[in-house]
C-alpha atoms as a PDB file:
ATOM      1  CA  UNK A   1      20.888  78.870-136.357  1.00  0.00           C
ATOM      2  CA  UNK A   2      19.873  76.089-138.764  1.00  0.00           C
ATOM      3  CA  UNK A   3      20.293  76.618-142.458  1.00  0.00           C
ATOM      4  CA  UNK A   4      17.332  75.741-144.713  1.00  0.00           C
ATOM      5  CA  UNK A   5      17.680  75.673-148.452  1.00  0.00           C
ATOM      6  CA  UNK A   6      14.686  75.643-150.767  1.00  0.00           C
ATOM      7  CA  UNK A   7      14.621  74.802-154.424  1.00  0.00           C
ATOM      8  CA  UNK A   8      11.751  74.835-156.852  1.00  0.00           C
ATOM      9  CA  UNK A   9      11.267  72.349-159.631  1.00  0.00           C
ATOM     10  CA  UNK A  10       8.619  71.613-162.220  1.00  0.00           C
ATOM     11  CA  UNK A  11       5.347  70.047-161.141  1.00  0.00           C
ATOM     12  CA  UNK A  12       5.204  66.257-161.041  1.00  0.00           C
ATOM     13  CA  UNK A  13       2.793  64.963-163.662  1.00  0.00           C
ATOM     14  CA  UNK A  14       2.090  61.222-163.472  1.00  0.00           C
ATOM     15  CA  UNK A  15       2.545  59.394-166.737  1.00  0.00           C
ATOM     16  CA  UNK A  16      -0.300  57.509-168.345  1.00  0.00           C
ATOM     17  CA  UNK A  17       0.096  53.777-167.852  1.00  0.00           C
ATOM     18  CA  UNK A  18      -1.508  50.573-168.857  1.00  0.00           C
ATOM     19  CA  UNK A  19      -3.258  48.875-165.913  1.00  0.00           C
ATOM     20  CA  UNK A  20      -1.555  45.754-164.689  1.00  0.00           C
ATOM     21  CA  UNK A  21      -3.114  42.363-165.333  1.00  0.00           C
ATOM     22  CA  UNK A  22      -4.110  42.066-161.651  1.00  0.00           C
ATOM     23  CA  UNK A  23      -6.425  45.033-162.095  1.00  0.00           C
ATOM     24  CA  UNK A  24      -8.457  43.043-164.634  1.00  0.00           C
ATOM     25  CA  UNK A  25      -9.071  40.116-162.281  1.00  0.00           C
ATOM     26  CA  UNK A  26     -12.745  40.121-161.216  1.00  0.00           C
ATOM     27  CA  UNK A  27     -13.262  40.873-157.519  1.00  0.00           C
ATOM     28  CA  UNK A  28     -14.602  37.420-156.651  1.00  0.00           C
ATOM     29  CA  UNK A  29     -11.530  35.735-158.088  1.00  0.00           C
ATOM     30  CA  UNK A  30      -9.321  38.258-156.353  1.00  0.00           C
ATOM     31  CA  UNK A  31     -10.794  37.336-152.966  1.00  0.00           C
ATOM     32  CA  UNK A  32     -11.175  33.544-153.249  1.00  0.00           C
ATOM     33  CA  UNK A  33      -7.531  32.623-152.608  1.00  0.00           C
ATOM     34  CA  UNK A  34      -7.380  35.017-149.666  1.00  0.00           C
ATOM     35  CA  UNK A  35     -10.551  33.620-148.101  1.00  0.00           C
ATOM     36  CA  UNK A  36      -9.506  30.006-148.677  1.00  0.00           C
ATOM     37  CA  UNK A  37      -6.261  30.637-146.767  1.00  0.00           C
ATOM     38  CA  UNK A  38      -7.745  32.859-144.049  1.00  0.00           C
ATOM     39  CA  UNK A  39      -7.536  31.909-140.390  1.00  0.00           C
ATOM     40  CA  UNK A  40     -10.790  33.768-139.689  1.00  0.00           C
ATOM     41  CA  UNK A  41     -14.164  32.142-140.388  1.00  0.00           C
ATOM     42  CA  UNK A  42     -15.255  33.699-143.689  1.00  0.00           C
ATOM     43  CA  UNK A  43     -16.865  32.811-146.994  1.00  0.00           C
ATOM     44  CA  UNK A  44     -17.643  34.178-150.428  1.00  0.00           C
ATOM     45  CA  UNK A  45     -20.837  33.520-152.339  1.00  0.00           C
ATOM     46  CA  UNK A  46     -21.643  34.726-155.835  1.00  0.00           C
ATOM     47  CA  UNK A  47     -24.826  36.536-156.812  1.00  0.00           C
ATOM     48  CA  UNK A  48     -26.606  33.203-157.350  1.00  0.00           C
ATOM     49  CA  UNK A  49     -25.754  32.278-153.684  1.00  0.00           C
ATOM     50  CA  UNK A  50     -23.266  29.595-154.735  1.00  0.00           C
ATOM     51  CA  UNK A  51     -20.290  29.166-152.392  1.00  0.00           C
ATOM     52  CA  UNK A  52     -17.142  30.269-154.215  1.00  0.00           C
ATOM     53  CA  UNK A  53     -14.674  30.072-151.317  1.00  0.00           C
ATOM     54  CA  UNK A  54     -14.605  29.499-147.584  1.00  0.00           C
ATOM     55  CA  UNK A  55     -11.973  29.208-144.913  1.00  0.00           C
ATOM     56  CA  UNK A  56     -11.426  25.947-143.071  1.00  0.00           C
ATOM     57  CA  UNK A  57     -12.424  27.671-139.830  1.00  0.00           C
ATOM     58  CA  UNK A  58     -15.761  28.780-141.363  1.00  0.00           C
ATOM     59  CA  UNK A  59     -16.440  25.252-142.593  1.00  0.00           C
ATOM     60  CA  UNK A  60     -15.745  23.887-139.114  1.00  0.00           C
ATOM     61  CA  UNK A  61     -17.699  26.591-137.260  1.00  0.00           C
ATOM     62  CA  UNK A  62     -20.784  26.220-139.444  1.00  0.00           C
ATOM     63  CA  UNK A  63     -20.578  22.426-139.731  1.00  0.00           C
ATOM     64  CA  UNK A  64     -20.162  22.424-143.499  1.00  0.00           C
ATOM     65  CA  UNK A  65     -17.513  19.720-143.803  1.00  0.00           C
ATOM     66  CA  UNK A  66     -14.304  20.204-145.763  1.00  0.00           C
ATOM     67  CA  UNK A  67     -14.185  23.345-147.949  1.00  0.00           C
ATOM     68  CA  UNK A  68     -13.701  21.455-151.261  1.00  0.00           C
ATOM     69  CA  UNK A  69     -16.882  19.474-150.536  1.00  0.00           C
ATOM     70  CA  UNK A  70     -19.088  22.592-150.467  1.00  0.00           C
ATOM     71  CA  UNK A  71     -17.466  24.847-153.081  1.00  0.00           C
ATOM     72  CA  UNK A  72     -19.957  25.216-155.926  1.00  0.00           C
ATOM     73  CA  UNK A  73     -23.014  24.353-153.808  1.00  0.00           C
ATOM     74  CA  UNK A  74     -25.762  26.824-152.880  1.00  0.00           C
ATOM     75  CA  UNK A  75     -25.320  28.256-149.390  1.00  0.00           C
ATOM     76  CA  UNK A  76     -28.920  27.471-148.453  1.00  0.00           C
ATOM     77  CA  UNK A  77     -28.426  23.839-149.417  1.00  0.00           C
ATOM     78  CA  UNK A  78     -25.558  23.198-146.993  1.00  0.00           C
ATOM     79  CA  UNK A  79     -26.166  25.605-144.096  1.00  0.00           C
ATOM     80  CA  UNK A  80     -28.566  24.222-141.483  1.00  0.00           C
ATOM     81  CA  UNK A  81     -30.321  27.354-140.183  1.00  0.00           C
ATOM     82  CA  UNK A  82     -32.758  27.241-137.274  1.00  0.00           C
ATOM     83  CA  UNK A  83     -34.903  29.899-135.641  1.00  0.00           C
ATOM     84  CA  UNK A  84     -34.330  31.508-132.250  1.00  0.00           C
ATOM     85  CA  UNK A  85     -37.325  29.864-130.561  1.00  0.00           C
ATOM     86  CA  UNK A  86     -36.916  27.390-127.695  1.00  0.00           C
ATOM     87  CA  UNK A  87     -38.009  24.635-130.090  1.00  0.00           C
ATOM     88  CA  UNK A  88     -35.189  25.521-132.512  1.00  0.00           C
ATOM     89  CA  UNK A  89     -37.345  24.875-135.582  1.00  0.00           C
ATOM     90  CA  UNK A  90     -36.137  24.963-139.169  1.00  0.00           C
ATOM     91  CA  UNK A  91     -35.812  28.579-140.336  1.00  0.00           C
ATOM     92  CA  UNK A  92     -38.495  29.501-142.865  1.00  0.00           C
ATOM     93  CA  UNK A  93     -37.250  30.287-146.360  1.00  0.00           C
ATOM     94  CA  UNK A  94     -38.521  33.876-146.190  1.00  0.00           C
ATOM     95  CA  UNK A  95     -36.383  34.445-143.079  1.00  0.00           C
ATOM     96  CA  UNK A  96     -33.406  32.501-144.440  1.00  0.00           C
ATOM     97  CA  UNK A  97     -33.298  34.921-147.397  1.00  0.00           C
ATOM     98  CA  UNK A  98     -32.488  37.702-144.909  1.00  0.00           C
ATOM     99  CA  UNK A  99     -29.234  36.275-143.542  1.00  0.00           C
ATOM    100  CA  UNK A 100     -26.298  38.683-144.035  1.00  0.00           C
ATOM    101  CA  UNK A 101     -24.486  36.896-146.915  1.00  0.00           C
ATOM    102  CA  UNK A 102     -27.667  36.845-149.002  1.00  0.00           C
ATOM    103  CA  UNK A 103     -28.886  40.254-147.880  1.00  0.00           C
ATOM    104  CA  UNK A 104     -25.579  41.901-148.876  1.00  0.00           C
ATOM    105  CA  UNK A 105     -26.008  40.552-152.410  1.00  0.00           C
ATOM    106  CA  UNK A 106     -29.647  41.582-152.731  1.00  0.00           C
ATOM    107  CA  UNK A 107     -29.436  44.980-151.032  1.00  0.00           C
ATOM    108  CA  UNK A 108     -25.990  45.872-152.421  1.00  0.00           C
ATOM    109  CA  UNK A 109     -25.107  47.105-148.923  1.00  0.00           C
ATOM    110  CA  UNK A 110     -23.277  46.027-145.825  1.00  0.00           C
ATOM    111  CA  UNK A 111     -25.399  43.581-143.805  1.00  0.00           C
ATOM    112  CA  UNK A 112     -25.030  42.317-140.246  1.00  0.00           C
ATOM    113  CA  UNK A 113     -27.062  39.957-138.138  1.00  0.00           C
ATOM    114  CA  UNK A 114     -27.214  36.865-135.986  1.00  0.00           C
ATOM    115  CA  UNK A 115     -27.657  33.354-137.350  1.00  0.00           C
ATOM    116  CA  UNK A 116     -28.508  30.242-135.427  1.00  0.00           C
ATOM    117  CA  UNK A 117     -27.084  27.064-136.948  1.00  0.00           C
ATOM    118  CA  UNK A 118     -26.805  23.407-136.091  1.00  0.00           C
ATOM    119  CA  UNK A 119     -23.157  22.602-136.873  1.00  0.00           C
ATOM    120  CA  UNK A 120     -23.716  18.859-137.024  1.00  0.00           C
ATOM    121  CA  UNK A 121     -26.021  16.016-136.047  1.00  0.00           C
ATOM    122  CA  UNK A 122     -26.429  15.818-132.277  1.00  0.00           C
ATOM    123  CA  UNK A 123     -24.549  19.060-131.694  1.00  0.00           C
ATOM    124  CA  UNK A 124     -26.139  21.942-129.782  1.00  0.00           C
ATOM    125  CA  UNK A 125     -27.287  25.003-131.755  1.00  0.00           C
ATOM    126  CA  UNK A 126     -24.742  27.752-132.222  1.00  0.00           C
ATOM    127  CA  UNK A 127     -25.417  31.479-132.527  1.00  0.00           C
ATOM    128  CA  UNK A 128     -23.122  33.258-134.952  1.00  0.00           C
ATOM    129  CA  UNK A 129     -22.647  36.965-135.603  1.00  0.00           C
ATOM    130  CA  UNK A 130     -22.227  37.576-139.333  1.00  0.00           C
ATOM    131  CA  UNK A 131     -21.157  40.691-141.177  1.00  0.00           C
ATOM    132  CA  UNK A 132     -21.241  40.718-144.970  1.00  0.00           C
ATOM    133  CA  UNK A 133     -20.175  43.164-147.618  1.00  0.00           C
ATOM    134  CA  UNK A 134     -21.135  43.072-151.279  1.00  0.00           C
ATOM    135  CA  UNK A 135     -18.374  42.487-153.816  1.00  0.00           C
ATOM    136  CA  UNK A 136     -18.637  44.436-157.056  1.00  0.00           C
ATOM    137  CA  UNK A 137     -17.470  43.776-160.600  1.00  0.00           C
ATOM    138  CA  UNK A 138     -17.953  46.523-163.157  1.00  0.00           C
ATOM    139  CA  UNK A 139     -20.263  48.420-160.795  1.00  0.00           C
ATOM    140  CA  UNK A 140     -22.576  45.401-160.362  1.00  0.00           C
ATOM    141  CA  UNK A 141     -22.814  43.120-157.346  1.00  0.00           C
ATOM    142  CA  UNK A 142     -21.078  39.842-158.101  1.00  0.00           C
ATOM    143  CA  UNK A 143     -21.363  38.308-154.634  1.00  0.00           C
ATOM    144  CA  UNK A 144     -20.608  38.893-150.982  1.00  0.00           C
ATOM    145  CA  UNK A 145     -17.815  38.348-148.484  1.00  0.00           C
ATOM    146  CA  UNK A 146     -18.964  37.362-144.985  1.00  0.00           C
ATOM    147  CA  UNK A 147     -17.065  37.055-141.711  1.00  0.00           C
ATOM    148  CA  UNK A 148     -18.464  34.979-138.845  1.00  0.00           C
ATOM    149  CA  UNK A 149     -17.899  35.062-135.109  1.00  0.00           C
ATOM    150  CA  UNK A 150     -19.460  32.633-132.625  1.00  0.00           C
ATOM    151  CA  UNK A 151     -21.522  34.235-129.868  1.00  0.00           C
ATOM    152  CA  UNK A 152     -20.665  32.705-126.517  1.00  0.00           C
ATOM    153  CA  UNK A 153     -23.095  33.164-123.633  1.00  0.00           C
END
């Protein structure tokens, strides 16, 4: 028969500590390096819709050029959104405000939806599934992190 020995000791009480410096880094800054190096198509915008970081694959998928060329620009100024009609007309501003990266900032909630973009001149329209989550700093929304996936028919 197996022998089991039991001993009792005092309760473990964690010691108070000073938070590390990394804990003071705002969430947007914490995510930008990760997004910039990510293999997946993703981007971060701040609460004024300015692009703070994007992966090379997101820049290529969405036809935005090289990431350094669009960092600091408003998302709406560089993303060529079109509607889902056969005519593929320019997306109205009221509808463009509802795309997941912007909606996550405004609603302070997870947002998901389809976008239709023209990646570049002469290229066919592309439908993209986007899922965005708000990023918080001190309990306030500071921006959003969005992942993109092309929809292939």
